[in-house]
Amino acid sequence: MEEGFTLEKEHMQGARLLTMRSGLKLEMVGLKMSRGINCFKMIKEETGLKGSKQKVYDDFSNLLREAGILID
């Protein structure tokens, strides 16, 4: 029997934000997560953050930490 997990509705947004953060990290080293809009652009549009990919990554990570979504 295969084990797995399910996300409750209230955790889905957090999972989405963490996925966007991971996608931006991939974009910082030259990889793409999908063919559509890139994570860098999505994060900037949704949060209003500005700057380089590294600055947006750092600022976005801090926002996620403050919200309790990202725990290092």
N, C-alpha and C. Protein backbone atom coordinates (compact mmCIF):
# COMPACT_ATOMS: atom_id res chain seq x y z
N MET A 1 0.83 -1.17 0.00
CA MET A 1 0.00 0.00 0.00
C MET A 1 0.88 1.24 0.00
N GLU A 2 0.59 2.15 -0.90
CA GLU A 2 1.38 3.37 -1.04
C GLU A 2 0.88 4.43 -0.06
N GLU A 3 1.83 5.06 0.62
CA GLU A 3 1.47 6.12 1.56
C GLU A 3 1.55 7.46 0.85
N GLY A 4 0.76 8.42 1.29
CA GLY A 4 0.77 9.74 0.71
C GLY A 4 0.25 10.74 1.71
N PHE A 5 -0.11 11.88 1.22
CA PHE A 5 -0.67 12.90 2.09
C PHE A 5 -1.67 13.73 1.29
N THR A 6 -2.49 14.43 2.00
CA THR A 6 -3.43 15.34 1.36
C THR A 6 -3.27 16.72 1.99
N LEU A 7 -3.54 17.73 1.20
CA LEU A 7 -3.48 19.10 1.70
C LEU A 7 -4.89 19.56 2.03
N GLU A 8 -5.02 20.13 3.19
CA GLU A 8 -6.29 20.73 3.55
C GLU A 8 -6.40 22.06 2.80
N LYS A 9 -7.60 22.53 2.64
CA LYS A 9 -7.85 23.75 1.88
C LYS A 9 -7.01 24.93 2.38
N GLU A 10 -6.88 25.07 3.69
CA GLU A 10 -6.16 26.20 4.25
C GLU A 10 -4.64 26.12 4.02
N HIS A 11 -4.13 24.94 3.67
CA HIS A 11 -2.70 24.78 3.43
C HIS A 11 -2.33 24.91 1.95
N MET A 12 -3.31 24.92 1.08
CA MET A 12 -3.03 24.94 -0.35
C MET A 12 -2.33 26.21 -0.79
N GLN A 13 -2.73 27.36 -0.27
CA GLN A 13 -2.09 28.62 -0.65
C GLN A 13 -0.63 28.63 -0.19
N GLY A 14 -0.36 28.14 0.99
CA GLY A 14 1.01 28.06 1.47
C GLY A 14 1.86 27.16 0.60
N ALA A 15 1.31 26.04 0.18
CA ALA A 15 2.03 25.13 -0.70
C ALA A 15 2.31 25.80 -2.04
N ARG A 16 1.36 26.56 -2.54
CA ARG A 16 1.54 27.28 -3.81
C ARG A 16 2.68 28.30 -3.69
N LEU A 17 2.70 29.04 -2.59
CA LEU A 17 3.74 30.05 -2.38
C LEU A 17 5.11 29.41 -2.25
N LEU A 18 5.20 28.28 -1.56
CA LEU A 18 6.47 27.58 -1.44
C LEU A 18 6.94 27.03 -2.80
N THR A 19 5.99 26.60 -3.62
CA THR A 19 6.33 26.12 -4.97
C THR A 19 6.85 27.27 -5.83
N MET A 20 6.24 28.44 -5.69
CA MET A 20 6.71 29.62 -6.43
C MET A 20 8.13 29.99 -6.00
N ARG A 21 8.40 29.88 -4.70
CA ARG A 21 9.74 30.18 -4.19
C ARG A 21 10.75 29.19 -4.76
N SER A 22 10.39 27.92 -4.80
CA SER A 22 11.28 26.90 -5.37
C SER A 22 11.51 27.14 -6.85
N GLY A 23 10.45 27.55 -7.56
CA GLY A 23 10.58 27.86 -8.98
C GLY A 23 11.52 29.03 -9.22
N LEU A 24 11.44 30.05 -8.39
CA LEU A 24 12.34 31.20 -8.52
C LEU A 24 13.78 30.77 -8.27
N LYS A 25 13.98 29.89 -7.32
CA LYS A 25 15.34 29.39 -7.03
C LYS A 25 15.91 28.68 -8.26
N LEU A 26 15.07 27.90 -8.95
CA LEU A 26 15.50 27.23 -10.19
C LEU A 26 15.82 28.26 -11.27
N GLU A 27 15.00 29.29 -11.38
CA GLU A 27 15.22 30.33 -12.39
C GLU A 27 16.52 31.09 -12.13
N MET A 28 16.92 31.19 -10.88
CA MET A 28 18.16 31.89 -10.54
C MET A 28 19.39 31.16 -11.07
N VAL A 29 19.29 29.86 -11.31
CA VAL A 29 20.42 29.10 -11.86
C VAL A 29 20.20 28.74 -13.33
N GLY A 30 19.17 29.34 -13.96
CA GLY A 30 18.98 29.19 -15.39
C GLY A 30 17.98 28.13 -15.83
N LEU A 31 17.26 27.52 -14.92
CA LEU A 31 16.27 26.51 -15.29
C LEU A 31 14.87 27.11 -15.28
N LYS A 32 13.95 26.44 -15.95
CA LYS A 32 12.56 26.87 -15.97
C LYS A 32 11.68 25.81 -15.34
N MET A 33 10.65 26.26 -14.64
CA MET A 33 9.73 25.31 -14.02
C MET A 33 8.57 24.99 -14.95
N SER A 34 8.21 25.93 -15.83
CA SER A 34 7.10 25.69 -16.75
C SER A 34 7.29 26.53 -18.00
N ARG A 35 6.45 26.31 -18.98
CA ARG A 35 6.53 27.07 -20.23
C ARG A 35 5.83 28.42 -20.13
N GLY A 36 4.93 28.54 -19.20
CA GLY A 36 4.14 29.76 -19.07
C GLY A 36 4.90 30.87 -18.38
N ILE A 37 4.18 31.68 -17.67
CA ILE A 37 4.75 32.81 -16.95
C ILE A 37 5.77 32.30 -15.94
N ASN A 38 6.87 33.03 -15.78
CA ASN A 38 7.88 32.56 -14.85
C ASN A 38 7.56 32.98 -13.42
N CYS A 39 8.16 32.29 -12.48
CA CYS A 39 7.89 32.52 -11.06
C CYS A 39 8.34 33.90 -10.63
N PHE A 40 9.43 34.38 -11.18
CA PHE A 40 9.93 35.72 -10.87
C PHE A 40 8.86 36.76 -11.15
N LYS A 41 8.27 36.68 -12.32
CA LYS A 41 7.23 37.63 -12.70
C LYS A 41 5.97 37.47 -11.84
N MET A 42 5.57 36.23 -11.58
CA MET A 42 4.38 35.99 -10.76
C MET A 42 4.56 36.56 -9.36
N ILE A 43 5.71 36.32 -8.76
CA ILE A 43 5.96 36.80 -7.41
C ILE A 43 5.96 38.32 -7.38
N LYS A 44 6.61 38.94 -8.37
CA LYS A 44 6.64 40.40 -8.41
C LYS A 44 5.24 40.98 -8.57
N GLU A 45 4.43 40.39 -9.44
CA GLU A 45 3.08 40.90 -9.68
C GLU A 45 2.18 40.72 -8.46
N GLU A 46 2.31 39.60 -7.77
CA GLU A 46 1.42 39.30 -6.64
C GLU A 46 1.83 39.98 -5.35
N THR A 47 3.12 40.30 -5.21
CA THR A 47 3.57 40.88 -3.95
C THR A 47 4.01 42.33 -4.06
N GLY A 48 4.28 42.78 -5.27
CA GLY A 48 4.78 44.15 -5.45
C GLY A 48 6.26 44.30 -5.16
N LEU A 49 6.96 43.18 -4.96
CA LEU A 49 8.40 43.24 -4.71
C LEU A 49 9.13 43.68 -5.97
N LYS A 50 10.26 44.35 -5.78
CA LYS A 50 11.05 44.84 -6.91
C LYS A 50 12.50 44.49 -6.69
N GLY A 51 13.24 44.46 -7.79
CA GLY A 51 14.68 44.21 -7.72
C GLY A 51 15.09 43.01 -8.54
N SER A 52 16.31 42.57 -8.29
CA SER A 52 16.86 41.42 -9.00
C SER A 52 16.20 40.14 -8.51
N LYS A 53 16.49 39.06 -9.21
CA LYS A 53 15.93 37.77 -8.78
C LYS A 53 16.39 37.42 -7.37
N GLN A 54 17.65 37.69 -7.06
CA GLN A 54 18.17 37.37 -5.73
C GLN A 54 17.47 38.21 -4.67
N LYS A 55 17.28 39.51 -4.94
CA LYS A 55 16.62 40.38 -3.96
C LYS A 55 15.16 39.97 -3.76
N VAL A 56 14.46 39.68 -4.85
CA VAL A 56 13.07 39.24 -4.75
C VAL A 56 12.99 37.91 -4.00
N TYR A 57 13.92 37.00 -4.27
CA TYR A 57 13.95 35.71 -3.58
C TYR A 57 14.13 35.92 -2.07
N ASP A 58 15.09 36.75 -1.70
CA ASP A 58 15.34 37.02 -0.27
C ASP A 58 14.14 37.68 0.40
N ASP A 59 13.58 38.70 -0.26
CA ASP A 59 12.43 39.42 0.31
C ASP A 59 11.20 38.51 0.40
N PHE A 60 10.97 37.70 -0.63
CA PHE A 60 9.84 36.78 -0.64
C PHE A 60 10.00 35.73 0.46
N SER A 61 11.22 35.22 0.62
CA SER A 61 11.48 34.26 1.69
C SER A 61 11.19 34.87 3.06
N ASN A 62 11.58 36.12 3.25
CA ASN A 62 11.30 36.81 4.51
C ASN A 62 9.80 36.96 4.74
N LEU A 63 9.05 37.29 3.67
CA LEU A 63 7.60 37.40 3.79
C LEU A 63 6.98 36.07 4.22
N LEU A 64 7.47 34.98 3.63
CA LEU A 64 6.95 33.66 3.96
C LEU A 64 7.30 33.27 5.40
N ARG A 65 8.48 33.66 5.85
CA ARG A 65 8.86 33.39 7.24
C ARG A 65 7.95 34.15 8.20
N GLU A 66 7.72 35.43 7.90
CA GLU A 66 6.87 36.26 8.75
C GLU A 66 5.45 35.72 8.81
N ALA A 67 4.98 35.13 7.72
CA ALA A 67 3.63 34.58 7.67
C ALA A 67 3.56 33.19 8.30
N GLY A 68 4.70 32.63 8.67
CA GLY A 68 4.71 31.30 9.27
C GLY A 68 4.61 30.18 8.25
N ILE A 69 4.81 30.49 6.98
CA ILE A 69 4.71 29.48 5.92
C ILE A 69 6.05 28.78 5.73
N LEU A 70 7.14 29.54 5.84
CA LEU A 70 8.48 29.01 5.65
C LEU A 70 9.16 28.92 7.01
N ILE A 71 9.61 27.73 7.34
CA ILE A 71 10.32 27.52 8.59
C ILE A 71 11.67 26.94 8.24
N ASP A 72 12.74 27.67 8.54
CA ASP A 72 14.09 27.21 8.24
C ASP A 72 14.61 26.29 9.29
